[in-house]
Amino acid sequence: MLGHLFALIADAYERAPILVLALSALLILPAVALISAAAQTGRRRVSREIALRAAERASQTEEEAIKEMSGLDTASASPPLLQAWLTVEGRTGGPLPLAGDIVRIGRQEDNDIRLADRSVHRHHAVIERTADEAFTIKDISGQDGSGVRINGEAKAEARLADGDVIELGRARLKFENAPV
């Protein structure tokens, strides 16, 4: 049966080689496109996971350095001097407090702050509290991501100030902080 199929293809190729090549391309190209799309999705997933792990490691290293310099346990360390929160434009329910040293923002449910807008990536940004009680935001949406804009300017990483407007895709958030 298979031999008969190859003989039929060879005979058709002798009569109309361009037609056989064109039909073969029509059969092969969709399979190649699917394989390429699957590989690209896998690469994006891996790069986001790497970015999340790097952000977590950086905060752990920072916490350990603070502990070593101060000689204190993080449990007995003094409370933060600044309180901060985000107000999400169009969201009811009031501002969202930035509790903890790292706050993950994205569309997926495992984020600390979840934004349901489809223009927001699953894991879009991370806000970290620094040793000097400042707040920084890092874009972790990857090369294919829509990035992070602070007051209209694209930034891979930025120190946040009271009143800054953060744009993640179409979502707009206002950063506010005040002394405790």
C-alpha atoms as a PDB file:
ATOM      1  CA  MET A   1       0.000   0.000   0.000  1.00  0.00           C
ATOM      2  CA  LEU A   2       2.734   2.467   0.997  1.00  0.00           C
ATOM      3  CA  GLY A   3       4.808   1.478  -2.011  1.00  0.00           C
ATOM      4  CA  HIS A   4       1.817   2.145  -4.262  1.00  0.00           C
ATOM      5  CA  LEU A   5       1.405   5.634  -2.685  1.00  0.00           C
ATOM      6  CA  PHE A   6       5.078   6.484  -3.324  1.00  0.00           C
ATOM      7  CA  ALA A   7       4.790   5.276  -6.906  1.00  0.00           C
ATOM      8  CA  LEU A   8       1.716   7.466  -7.404  1.00  0.00           C
ATOM      9  CA  ILE A   9       3.531  10.519  -5.974  1.00  0.00           C
ATOM     10  CA  ALA A  10       6.611   9.849  -8.116  1.00  0.00           C
ATOM     11  CA  ASP A  11       4.437   9.539 -11.229  1.00  0.00           C
ATOM     12  CA  ALA A  12       2.657  12.801 -10.412  1.00  0.00           C
ATOM     13  CA  TYR A  13       5.999  14.503  -9.799  1.00  0.00           C
ATOM     14  CA  GLU A  14       7.235  13.477 -13.240  1.00  0.00           C
ATOM     15  CA  ARG A  15       4.119  14.949 -14.883  1.00  0.00           C
ATOM     16  CA  ALA A  16       3.722  18.166 -12.799  1.00  0.00           C
ATOM     17  CA  PRO A  17       6.615  18.740 -10.371  1.00  0.00           C
ATOM     18  CA  ILE A  18       5.534  22.264  -9.389  1.00  0.00           C
ATOM     19  CA  LEU A  19       2.041  21.121  -8.501  1.00  0.00           C
ATOM     20  CA  VAL A  20       3.358  18.248  -6.352  1.00  0.00           C
ATOM     21  CA  LEU A  21       5.799  20.595  -4.569  1.00  0.00           C
ATOM     22  CA  ALA A  22       3.059  23.180  -3.941  1.00  0.00           C
ATOM     23  CA  LEU A  23       0.679  20.544  -2.546  1.00  0.00           C
ATOM     24  CA  SER A  24       3.462  19.130  -0.371  1.00  0.00           C
ATOM     25  CA  ALA A  25       4.156  22.617   1.018  1.00  0.00           C
ATOM     26  CA  LEU A  26       0.460  23.025   1.814  1.00  0.00           C
ATOM     27  CA  LEU A  27       0.615  19.823   3.858  1.00  0.00           C
ATOM     28  CA  ILE A  28       3.948  20.461   5.580  1.00  0.00           C
ATOM     29  CA  LEU A  29       3.794  24.203   6.402  1.00  0.00           C
ATOM     30  CA  PRO A  30       0.885  24.036   8.887  1.00  0.00           C
ATOM     31  CA  ALA A  31       2.679  21.294  10.834  1.00  0.00           C
ATOM     32  CA  VAL A  32       5.868  23.384  10.929  1.00  0.00           C
ATOM     33  CA  ALA A  33       3.879  26.431  12.087  1.00  0.00           C
ATOM     34  CA  LEU A  34       2.262  24.446  14.919  1.00  0.00           C
ATOM     35  CA  ILE A  35       5.615  23.088  16.079  1.00  0.00           C
ATOM     36  CA  SER A  36       7.115  26.596  15.974  1.00  0.00           C
ATOM     37  CA  ALA A  37       4.219  28.093  17.958  1.00  0.00           C
ATOM     38  CA  ALA A  38       4.491  25.359  20.604  1.00  0.00           C
ATOM     39  CA  ALA A  39       8.247  25.910  20.932  1.00  0.00           C
ATOM     40  CA  GLN A  40       7.792  29.689  21.253  1.00  0.00           C
ATOM     41  CA  THR A  41       5.132  29.271  23.941  1.00  0.00           C
ATOM     42  CA  GLY A  42       7.453  26.959  25.866  1.00  0.00           C
ATOM     43  CA  ARG A  43      10.325  29.454  25.628  1.00  0.00           C
ATOM     44  CA  ARG A  44       8.092  32.273  26.906  1.00  0.00           C
ATOM     45  CA  ARG A  45       6.923  30.162  29.839  1.00  0.00           C
ATOM     46  CA  VAL A  46      10.498  29.263  30.760  1.00  0.00           C
ATOM     47  CA  SER A  47      11.697  32.895  30.511  1.00  0.00           C
ATOM     48  CA  ARG A  48       8.877  34.103  32.779  1.00  0.00           C
ATOM     49  CA  GLU A  49       9.641  31.384  35.330  1.00  0.00           C
ATOM     50  CA  ILE A  50      13.324  32.372  35.264  1.00  0.00           C
ATOM     51  CA  ALA A  51      12.410  36.039  35.783  1.00  0.00           C
ATOM     52  CA  LEU A  52      10.141  35.191  38.722  1.00  0.00           C
ATOM     53  CA  ARG A  53      12.809  33.021  40.343  1.00  0.00           C
ATOM     54  CA  ALA A  54      15.430  35.741  39.829  1.00  0.00           C
ATOM     55  CA  ALA A  55      13.176  38.327  41.493  1.00  0.00           C
ATOM     56  CA  GLU A  56      12.542  35.977  44.421  1.00  0.00           C
ATOM     57  CA  ARG A  57      16.270  35.211  44.793  1.00  0.00           C
ATOM     58  CA  ALA A  58      17.131  38.908  44.680  1.00  0.00           C
ATOM     59  CA  SER A  59      14.695  39.696  47.478  1.00  0.00           C
ATOM     60  CA  GLN A  60      15.908  36.759  49.567  1.00  0.00           C
ATOM     61  CA  THR A  61      19.525  37.890  49.121  1.00  0.00           C
ATOM     62  CA  GLU A  62      18.537  41.441  50.063  1.00  0.00           C
ATOM     63  CA  GLU A  63      16.735  40.214  53.191  1.00  0.00           C
ATOM     64  CA  GLU A  64      19.766  38.114  54.194  1.00  0.00           C
ATOM     65  CA  ALA A  65      22.104  41.093  53.709  1.00  0.00           C
ATOM     66  CA  ILE A  66      19.882  43.298  55.870  1.00  0.00           C
ATOM     67  CA  LYS A  67      19.768  40.608  58.534  1.00  0.00           C
ATOM     68  CA  GLU A  68      23.569  40.254  58.520  1.00  0.00           C
ATOM     69  CA  MET A  69      24.190  44.009  58.651  1.00  0.00           C
ATOM     70  CA  SER A  70      21.696  44.610  61.416  1.00  0.00           C
ATOM     71  CA  GLY A  71      22.321  41.400  63.357  1.00  0.00           C
ATOM     72  CA  LEU A  72      18.567  40.939  63.643  1.00  0.00           C
ATOM     73  CA  ASP A  73      16.122  38.261  62.619  1.00  0.00           C
ATOM     74  CA  THR A  74      13.628  39.467  60.029  1.00  0.00           C
ATOM     75  CA  ALA A  75      10.921  38.467  62.513  1.00  0.00           C
ATOM     76  CA  SER A  76      12.320  40.860  65.136  1.00  0.00           C
ATOM     77  CA  ALA A  77      13.253  43.611  62.653  1.00  0.00           C
ATOM     78  CA  SER A  78      11.538  46.969  63.000  1.00  0.00           C
ATOM     79  CA  PRO A  79       8.305  47.498  61.100  1.00  0.00           C
ATOM     80  CA  PRO A  80       8.369  49.357  57.792  1.00  0.00           C
ATOM     81  CA  LEU A  81       8.565  53.140  57.939  1.00  0.00           C
ATOM     82  CA  LEU A  82       6.393  53.614  54.843  1.00  0.00           C
ATOM     83  CA  GLN A  83       2.983  52.306  53.999  1.00  0.00           C
ATOM     84  CA  ALA A  84       2.151  52.023  50.286  1.00  0.00           C
ATOM     85  CA  TRP A  85      -0.808  51.052  48.167  1.00  0.00           C
ATOM     86  CA  LEU A  86      -2.022  50.900  44.578  1.00  0.00           C
ATOM     87  CA  THR A  87      -5.301  52.273  43.312  1.00  0.00           C
ATOM     88  CA  VAL A  88      -6.464  50.443  40.178  1.00  0.00           C
ATOM     89  CA  GLU A  89      -8.327  52.717  37.758  1.00  0.00           C
ATOM     90  CA  GLY A  90     -11.896  51.508  37.216  1.00  0.00           C
ATOM     91  CA  ARG A  91     -11.806  49.051  40.133  1.00  0.00           C
ATOM     92  CA  THR A  92     -14.214  49.363  43.024  1.00  0.00           C
ATOM     93  CA  GLY A  93     -13.246  48.362  46.523  1.00  0.00           C
ATOM     94  CA  GLY A  94     -10.576  50.912  47.352  1.00  0.00           C
ATOM     95  CA  PRO A  95      -6.796  50.852  47.239  1.00  0.00           C
ATOM     96  CA  LEU A  96      -4.729  47.658  47.438  1.00  0.00           C
ATOM     97  CA  PRO A  97      -2.060  47.725  50.171  1.00  0.00           C
ATOM     98  CA  LEU A  98       1.482  46.633  49.263  1.00  0.00           C
ATOM     99  CA  ALA A  99       2.038  44.166  52.070  1.00  0.00           C
ATOM    100  CA  GLY A 100       5.342  42.340  52.252  1.00  0.00           C
ATOM    101  CA  ASP A 101       8.681  42.907  50.563  1.00  0.00           C
ATOM    102  CA  ILE A 102       7.607  41.588  47.142  1.00  0.00           C
ATOM    103  CA  VAL A 103       4.250  42.109  45.443  1.00  0.00           C
ATOM    104  CA  ARG A 104       3.628  40.253  42.173  1.00  0.00           C
ATOM    105  CA  ILE A 105       1.205  41.780  39.668  1.00  0.00           C
ATOM    106  CA  GLY A 106      -0.356  40.018  36.695  1.00  0.00           C
ATOM    107  CA  ARG A 107      -3.388  38.360  35.165  1.00  0.00           C
ATOM    108  CA  GLN A 108      -2.890  34.891  36.671  1.00  0.00           C
ATOM    109  CA  GLU A 109      -4.486  34.002  39.999  1.00  0.00           C
ATOM    110  CA  ASP A 110      -1.180  33.230  41.753  1.00  0.00           C
ATOM    111  CA  ASN A 111      -0.230  36.945  41.734  1.00  0.00           C
ATOM    112  CA  ASP A 112      -0.599  39.099  44.836  1.00  0.00           C
ATOM    113  CA  ILE A 113      -2.476  41.686  42.760  1.00  0.00           C
ATOM    114  CA  ARG A 114      -4.552  40.213  39.938  1.00  0.00           C
ATOM    115  CA  LEU A 115      -5.615  42.356  36.984  1.00  0.00           C
ATOM    116  CA  ALA A 116      -8.188  40.674  34.740  1.00  0.00           C
ATOM    117  CA  ASP A 117      -7.419  42.768  31.614  1.00  0.00           C
ATOM    118  CA  ARG A 118      -6.215  40.590  28.679  1.00  0.00           C
ATOM    119  CA  SER A 119      -3.510  43.177  27.846  1.00  0.00           C
ATOM    120  CA  VAL A 120      -1.851  42.360  31.195  1.00  0.00           C
ATOM    121  CA  HIS A 121       0.500  39.375  31.078  1.00  0.00           C
ATOM    122  CA  ARG A 122       0.092  36.413  33.388  1.00  0.00           C
ATOM    123  CA  HIS A 123       3.129  37.566  35.398  1.00  0.00           C
ATOM    124  CA  HIS A 124       3.662  41.175  34.391  1.00  0.00           C
ATOM    125  CA  ALA A 125       5.562  43.077  37.106  1.00  0.00           C
ATOM    126  CA  VAL A 126       7.060  42.847  40.575  1.00  0.00           C
ATOM    127  CA  ILE A 127       7.114  45.662  43.147  1.00  0.00           C
ATOM    128  CA  GLU A 128       9.837  45.318  45.785  1.00  0.00           C
ATOM    129  CA  ARG A 129      10.405  47.215  49.026  1.00  0.00           C
ATOM    130  CA  THR A 130      14.115  48.084  49.220  1.00  0.00           C
ATOM    131  CA  ALA A 131      16.338  48.203  52.296  1.00  0.00           C
ATOM    132  CA  ASP A 132      15.999  51.997  52.442  1.00  0.00           C
ATOM    133  CA  GLU A 133      12.179  51.749  52.474  1.00  0.00           C
ATOM    134  CA  ALA A 134      11.745  52.753  48.825  1.00  0.00           C
ATOM    135  CA  PHE A 135       9.694  50.842  46.290  1.00  0.00           C
ATOM    136  CA  THR A 136      10.892  49.668  42.872  1.00  0.00           C
ATOM    137  CA  ILE A 137       8.959  48.064  40.042  1.00  0.00           C
ATOM    138  CA  LYS A 138      10.434  45.564  37.582  1.00  0.00           C
ATOM    139  CA  ASP A 139       8.951  44.438  34.272  1.00  0.00           C
ATOM    140  CA  ILE A 140       8.898  40.621  34.109  1.00  0.00           C
ATOM    141  CA  SER A 141       6.539  40.313  31.143  1.00  0.00           C
ATOM    142  CA  GLY A 142       9.409  39.264  28.836  1.00  0.00           C
ATOM    143  CA  GLN A 143      10.381  40.355  25.336  1.00  0.00           C
ATOM    144  CA  ASP A 144       6.898  39.709  23.993  1.00  0.00           C
ATOM    145  CA  GLY A 145       5.305  41.630  26.851  1.00  0.00           C
ATOM    146  CA  SER A 146       3.665  45.024  26.695  1.00  0.00           C
ATOM    147  CA  GLY A 147       6.115  46.313  29.299  1.00  0.00           C
ATOM    148  CA  VAL A 148       5.725  48.749  32.153  1.00  0.00           C
ATOM    149  CA  ARG A 149       5.154  52.475  31.735  1.00  0.00           C
ATOM    150  CA  ILE A 150       5.695  54.914  34.595  1.00  0.00           C
ATOM    151  CA  ASN A 151       4.037  58.307  34.031  1.00  0.00           C
ATOM    152  CA  GLY A 152       3.876  57.482  30.309  1.00  0.00           C
ATOM    153  CA  GLU A 153       7.538  56.427  29.956  1.00  0.00           C
ATOM    154  CA  ALA A 154       8.527  52.804  29.245  1.00  0.00           C
ATOM    155  CA  LYS A 155      10.800  51.381  31.970  1.00  0.00           C
ATOM    156  CA  ALA A 156      12.299  47.941  32.580  1.00  0.00           C
ATOM    157  CA  GLU A 157      12.876  48.917  36.217  1.00  0.00           C
ATOM    158  CA  ALA A 158      12.099  52.106  38.128  1.00  0.00           C
ATOM    159  CA  ARG A 159      11.990  53.539  41.613  1.00  0.00           C
ATOM    160  CA  LEU A 160       8.424  54.554  42.458  1.00  0.00           C
ATOM    161  CA  ALA A 161       7.424  57.901  43.936  1.00  0.00           C
ATOM    162  CA  ASP A 162       4.159  58.980  45.519  1.00  0.00           C
ATOM    163  CA  GLY A 163       1.596  59.725  42.798  1.00  0.00           C
ATOM    164  CA  ASP A 164       3.292  57.751  39.997  1.00  0.00           C
ATOM    165  CA  VAL A 165       0.909  56.298  37.411  1.00  0.00           C
ATOM    166  CA  ILE A 166       1.841  52.741  36.383  1.00  0.00           C
ATOM    167  CA  GLU A 167       0.540  51.292  33.124  1.00  0.00           C
ATOM    168  CA  LEU A 168       0.564  47.528  32.575  1.00  0.00           C
ATOM    169  CA  GLY A 169      -0.992  46.969  29.174  1.00  0.00           C
ATOM    170  CA  ARG A 170      -4.250  48.936  29.290  1.00  0.00           C
ATOM    171  CA  ALA A 171      -4.471  48.728  33.098  1.00  0.00           C
ATOM    172  CA  ARG A 172      -3.606  51.926  34.981  1.00  0.00           C
ATOM    173  CA  LEU A 173      -2.583  51.950  38.634  1.00  0.00           C
ATOM    174  CA  LYS A 174      -1.674  54.867  40.886  1.00  0.00           C
ATOM    175  CA  PHE A 175       1.136  54.318  43.407  1.00  0.00           C
ATOM    176  CA  GLU A 176       0.799  56.130  46.716  1.00  0.00           C
ATOM    177  CA  ASN A 177       2.830  55.996  49.903  1.00  0.00           C
ATOM    178  CA  ALA A 178       2.951  57.723  53.237  1.00  0.00           C
ATOM    179  CA  PRO A 179       4.944  57.475  56.487  1.00  0.00           C
ATOM    180  CA  VAL A 180       3.451  55.091  59.038  1.00  0.00           C
END
